[in-house]
Protein backbone atom coordinates (compact mmCIF):
# COMPACT_ATOMS: atom_id res chain seq x y z
CA MET A 1 0.29 50.51 -65.03
CA SER A 2 2.18 50.42 -61.73
CA LEU A 3 5.63 51.87 -61.58
CA GLU A 4 8.30 49.18 -61.38
CA PHE A 5 9.70 50.29 -58.02
CA ILE A 6 6.29 49.91 -56.37
CA SER A 7 5.40 46.55 -57.90
CA LEU A 8 4.15 43.89 -55.50
CA GLU A 9 7.31 41.86 -56.04
CA ASN A 10 9.55 44.77 -55.06
CA ILE A 11 7.41 45.62 -52.04
CA GLN A 12 7.74 42.01 -50.87
CA ARG A 13 11.49 42.08 -51.43
CA ILE A 14 11.91 45.35 -49.50
CA ALA A 15 9.67 44.08 -46.68
CA HIS A 16 11.75 40.89 -46.44
CA GLU A 17 14.96 42.92 -46.35
CA TYR A 18 13.98 45.78 -44.04
CA GLY A 19 11.07 44.27 -42.12
CA TYR A 20 9.22 46.62 -39.79
CA TRP A 21 11.04 49.74 -41.05
CA ALA A 22 9.77 49.09 -44.57
CA ILE A 23 6.18 48.90 -43.33
CA PHE A 24 6.46 52.01 -41.16
CA PHE A 25 8.10 54.23 -43.79
CA GLY A 26 5.99 52.88 -46.65
CA ILE A 27 2.79 53.94 -44.94
CA LEU A 28 4.29 57.20 -43.65
CA LEU A 29 5.48 58.25 -47.12
CA GLU A 30 2.12 57.43 -48.72
CA ASN A 31 0.45 59.78 -46.25
CA LEU A 32 2.92 62.50 -47.32
CA GLY A 33 1.67 62.20 -50.90
CA ILE A 34 4.48 60.05 -52.30
CA PRO A 35 3.03 57.43 -54.70
CA ILE A 36 3.70 54.37 -52.56
CA PRO A 37 0.77 51.95 -52.17
CA GLY A 38 0.48 51.96 -48.37
CA GLU A 39 -2.46 49.58 -48.55
CA THR A 40 -0.33 46.98 -50.33
CA VAL A 41 2.55 47.55 -47.91
CA THR A 42 0.17 46.87 -45.01
CA LEU A 43 -1.21 43.73 -46.64
CA VAL A 44 2.33 42.45 -47.26
CA GLY A 45 3.19 43.07 -43.60
CA GLY A 46 0.11 41.16 -42.42
CA PHE A 47 0.87 38.34 -44.86
CA LEU A 48 4.44 38.02 -43.53
CA ALA A 49 3.06 38.02 -39.98
CA GLY A 50 0.66 35.23 -40.95
CA SER A 51 3.58 33.17 -42.24
CA HIS A 52 5.43 33.83 -38.94
CA GLU A 53 8.19 35.89 -40.56
CA LEU A 54 7.13 39.01 -38.64
CA SER A 55 5.16 39.70 -35.46
CA TYR A 56 1.47 40.52 -35.93
CA TRP A 57 1.48 43.09 -33.13
CA LEU A 58 4.63 44.85 -34.33
CA VAL A 59 3.30 45.01 -37.90
CA LEU A 60 0.03 46.44 -36.60
CA GLY A 61 1.89 48.95 -34.42
CA ASP A 62 4.04 50.00 -37.39
CA ALA A 63 1.01 50.46 -39.61
CA VAL A 64 -0.90 52.53 -37.04
CA THR A 65 2.12 54.67 -36.11
CA GLY A 66 3.12 55.33 -39.73
CA ALA A 67 -0.44 56.28 -40.66
CA VAL A 68 -0.90 58.56 -37.63
CA ILE A 69 2.40 60.41 -38.06
CA GLY A 70 1.89 60.71 -41.81
CA GLY A 71 -1.61 62.07 -41.24
CA ILE A 72 -0.32 64.69 -38.79
CA CYS A 73 2.36 65.79 -41.25
CA GLY A 74 -0.24 66.01 -44.01
CA TYR A 75 -2.52 68.06 -41.76
CA TRP A 76 0.19 70.65 -41.06
CA ILE A 77 1.18 70.80 -44.72
CA GLY A 78 -2.42 71.67 -45.53
CA ARG A 79 -2.76 74.05 -42.56
CA THR A 80 0.41 76.07 -43.32
CA GLY A 81 0.44 76.27 -47.10
CA GLY A 82 -2.34 74.18 -48.58
CA TRP A 83 -4.87 76.91 -49.36
CA PRO A 84 -2.66 79.01 -51.70
CA MET A 85 -1.67 75.81 -53.50
CA LEU A 86 -5.31 74.75 -53.81
CA VAL A 87 -6.25 78.15 -55.24
CA ARG A 88 -3.48 77.87 -57.85
CA LEU A 89 -4.58 74.36 -58.80
CA GLY A 90 -8.20 75.48 -58.90
CA SER A 91 -7.38 78.25 -61.36
CA LEU A 92 -5.91 75.66 -63.74
CA PHE A 93 -9.26 73.83 -63.76
CA ARG A 94 -11.29 77.07 -63.84
CA PHE A 95 -12.54 76.80 -60.27
CA SER A 96 -13.13 80.26 -58.83
CA GLU A 97 -11.89 81.05 -55.34
CA ALA A 98 -15.52 81.50 -54.26
CA ARG A 99 -16.30 77.98 -55.45
CA LEU A 100 -13.25 76.62 -53.62
CA LEU A 101 -14.39 78.39 -50.45
CA SER A 102 -17.77 76.67 -50.78
CA ILE A 103 -16.04 73.28 -51.16
CA LYS A 104 -13.84 74.10 -48.17
CA GLU A 105 -16.92 74.84 -46.06
CA GLN A 106 -18.62 71.63 -47.16
CA PHE A 107 -15.53 69.61 -46.31
CA SER A 108 -15.26 71.34 -42.94
CA GLU A 109 -18.78 70.19 -42.09
CA ASN A 110 -17.82 66.57 -42.84
CA ALA A 111 -14.13 66.67 -41.91
CA ALA A 112 -14.38 64.12 -39.09
CA LYS A 113 -16.05 61.54 -41.36
CA ALA A 114 -13.56 62.24 -44.16
CA VAL A 115 -10.54 61.77 -41.88
CA PHE A 116 -11.91 58.52 -40.43
CA PHE A 117 -13.48 56.85 -43.48
CA GLY A 118 -10.91 58.30 -45.88
CA ARG A 119 -8.44 55.72 -44.60
CA PHE A 120 -10.38 53.04 -46.45
CA LEU A 121 -10.63 54.86 -49.81
CA ALA A 122 -8.02 55.12 -52.53
CA LEU A 123 -6.60 58.65 -52.95
CA LEU A 124 -8.74 60.07 -50.13
CA ARG A 125 -6.34 58.37 -47.73
CA ILE A 126 -3.66 60.73 -49.06
CA PHE A 127 -5.69 63.93 -49.35
CA ALA A 128 -8.02 63.80 -46.32
CA ALA A 129 -5.40 65.01 -43.83
CA PRO A 130 -4.15 67.99 -45.93
CA MET A 131 -7.77 68.93 -46.65
CA ALA A 132 -8.51 68.84 -42.92
CA GLY A 133 -5.63 71.26 -42.44
CA ILE A 134 -6.86 73.53 -45.21
CA ALA A 135 -10.35 73.48 -43.68
CA GLU A 136 -8.74 74.46 -40.33
CA MET A 137 -10.22 71.51 -38.50
CA PRO A 138 -9.22 71.85 -34.80
CA PHE A 139 -5.96 69.94 -34.33
CA GLY A 140 -7.18 68.06 -31.24
CA LYS A 141 -10.29 66.89 -33.06
CA PHE A 142 -8.20 65.93 -36.10
CA CYS A 143 -5.81 63.89 -33.94
CA PHE A 144 -8.71 61.98 -32.38
CA TYR A 145 -10.23 60.94 -35.72
CA ASN A 146 -6.81 60.46 -37.31
CA ILE A 147 -5.77 57.97 -34.60
CA LEU A 148 -9.19 56.31 -34.64
CA GLY A 149 -9.20 55.96 -38.43
CA ALA A 150 -5.60 54.79 -38.62
CA THR A 151 -6.19 52.15 -35.95
CA ALA A 152 -9.37 50.86 -37.59
CA TRP A 153 -7.84 50.79 -41.07
CA ALA A 154 -4.57 49.15 -40.00
CA SER A 155 -6.43 46.57 -37.88
CA VAL A 156 -8.66 45.56 -40.79
CA MET A 157 -5.82 45.40 -43.36
CA VAL A 158 -3.29 43.58 -41.19
CA THR A 159 -5.81 41.13 -39.73
CA LEU A 160 -7.35 40.44 -43.14
CA SER A 161 -4.01 39.53 -44.72
CA PHE A 162 -2.86 37.69 -41.57
CA PHE A 163 -5.76 35.22 -41.81
CA ALA A 164 -6.75 35.38 -45.49
CA GLY A 165 -3.15 34.84 -46.56
CA THR A 166 -3.48 31.23 -45.49
CA VAL A 167 -6.24 30.49 -48.01
CA VAL A 168 -5.62 32.87 -50.96
CA SER A 169 -2.49 34.19 -52.63
CA LEU A 170 -1.15 37.60 -51.69
CA GLU A 171 -1.57 38.73 -55.32
CA GLN A 172 -5.27 37.82 -55.29
CA LEU A 173 -5.82 39.47 -51.92
CA VAL A 174 -4.17 42.72 -53.05
CA ALA A 175 -6.26 42.70 -56.24
CA TRP A 176 -9.52 42.23 -54.31
CA VAL A 177 -8.76 44.97 -51.79
CA SER A 178 -7.67 47.38 -54.55
CA LYS A 179 -10.87 46.79 -56.51
CA PHE A 180 -12.98 47.37 -53.41
CA ALA A 181 -11.13 50.62 -52.58
CA ILE A 182 -11.54 51.93 -56.15
CA ALA A 183 -15.23 50.96 -56.27
CA ALA A 184 -15.86 52.69 -52.94
CA LEU A 185 -14.09 55.82 -54.22
CA LEU A 186 -16.19 55.87 -57.40
CA ILE A 187 -19.39 55.56 -55.38
CA LEU A 188 -18.28 58.42 -53.13
CA ALA A 189 -17.36 60.52 -56.17
CA ALA A 190 -20.81 59.91 -57.65
CA PHE A 191 -22.46 61.13 -54.43
CA ILE A 192 -20.36 64.30 -54.62
CA ILE A 193 -20.33 65.00 -58.38
CA ILE A 194 -24.01 64.32 -59.17
CA PRO A 195 -25.38 66.89 -56.66
CA LEU A 196 -22.83 69.45 -57.91
CA TRP A 197 -23.88 68.78 -61.50
CA LEU A 198 -27.58 69.12 -60.62
CA GLU A 199 -26.84 72.33 -58.72
CA ALA A 200 -24.92 73.79 -61.67
CA ARG A 201 -27.67 72.77 -64.09
CA GLN A 202 -30.34 74.37 -61.93
CA ALA A 203 -28.28 77.57 -61.65
CA ASN A 204 -27.92 77.74 -65.43
CA ASN A 205 -31.61 77.05 -65.99
CA PRO A 206 -33.48 78.72 -63.07
CA ALA A 207 -36.83 78.71 -64.83
CA GLY A 208 -36.68 74.95 -65.38
CA GLU A 209 -36.74 75.38 -69.14
């Protein structure tokens, strides 16, 4: 169940009251790990632009800027103190440091894809930037894919709600986008978890018994 302060109705009310600032800070704070649905904030901004209450280009600029700055902050959080925190969290779930190092290396090999495509996936949008920092992805390379991903994601979300808002309700649009993001995340998780499970099973049964 969604928390009351981040309900769609309250997001709409705040967007009406604070306009572009609400969109910018909503997306920025989500990227810092605060549980604010940046995707919904962006859709609301595009919807208001489609009804001529806000400017399409200013909403898009807000969304891109908030996502880029939030991503950079997340990167440096991960780069400066993310690894010790990850080790502590890993110990709670019985992940050895060696196993975490292996995951870190695997992420490092796919960091560019994670930073770009992570924008379109629930949860990964929040954690991709800190993980890039933990994996010590070169900052220049991170900035390139962070800006590219933020621009692509914001363009799709704002444009979708700008045009689709004229034929479907905002509530229905948010529901469809949320379901797609969750389904995409589950598919990604399956591609990650199944190989790990097969690897662990093979390690525990080397003779194939």
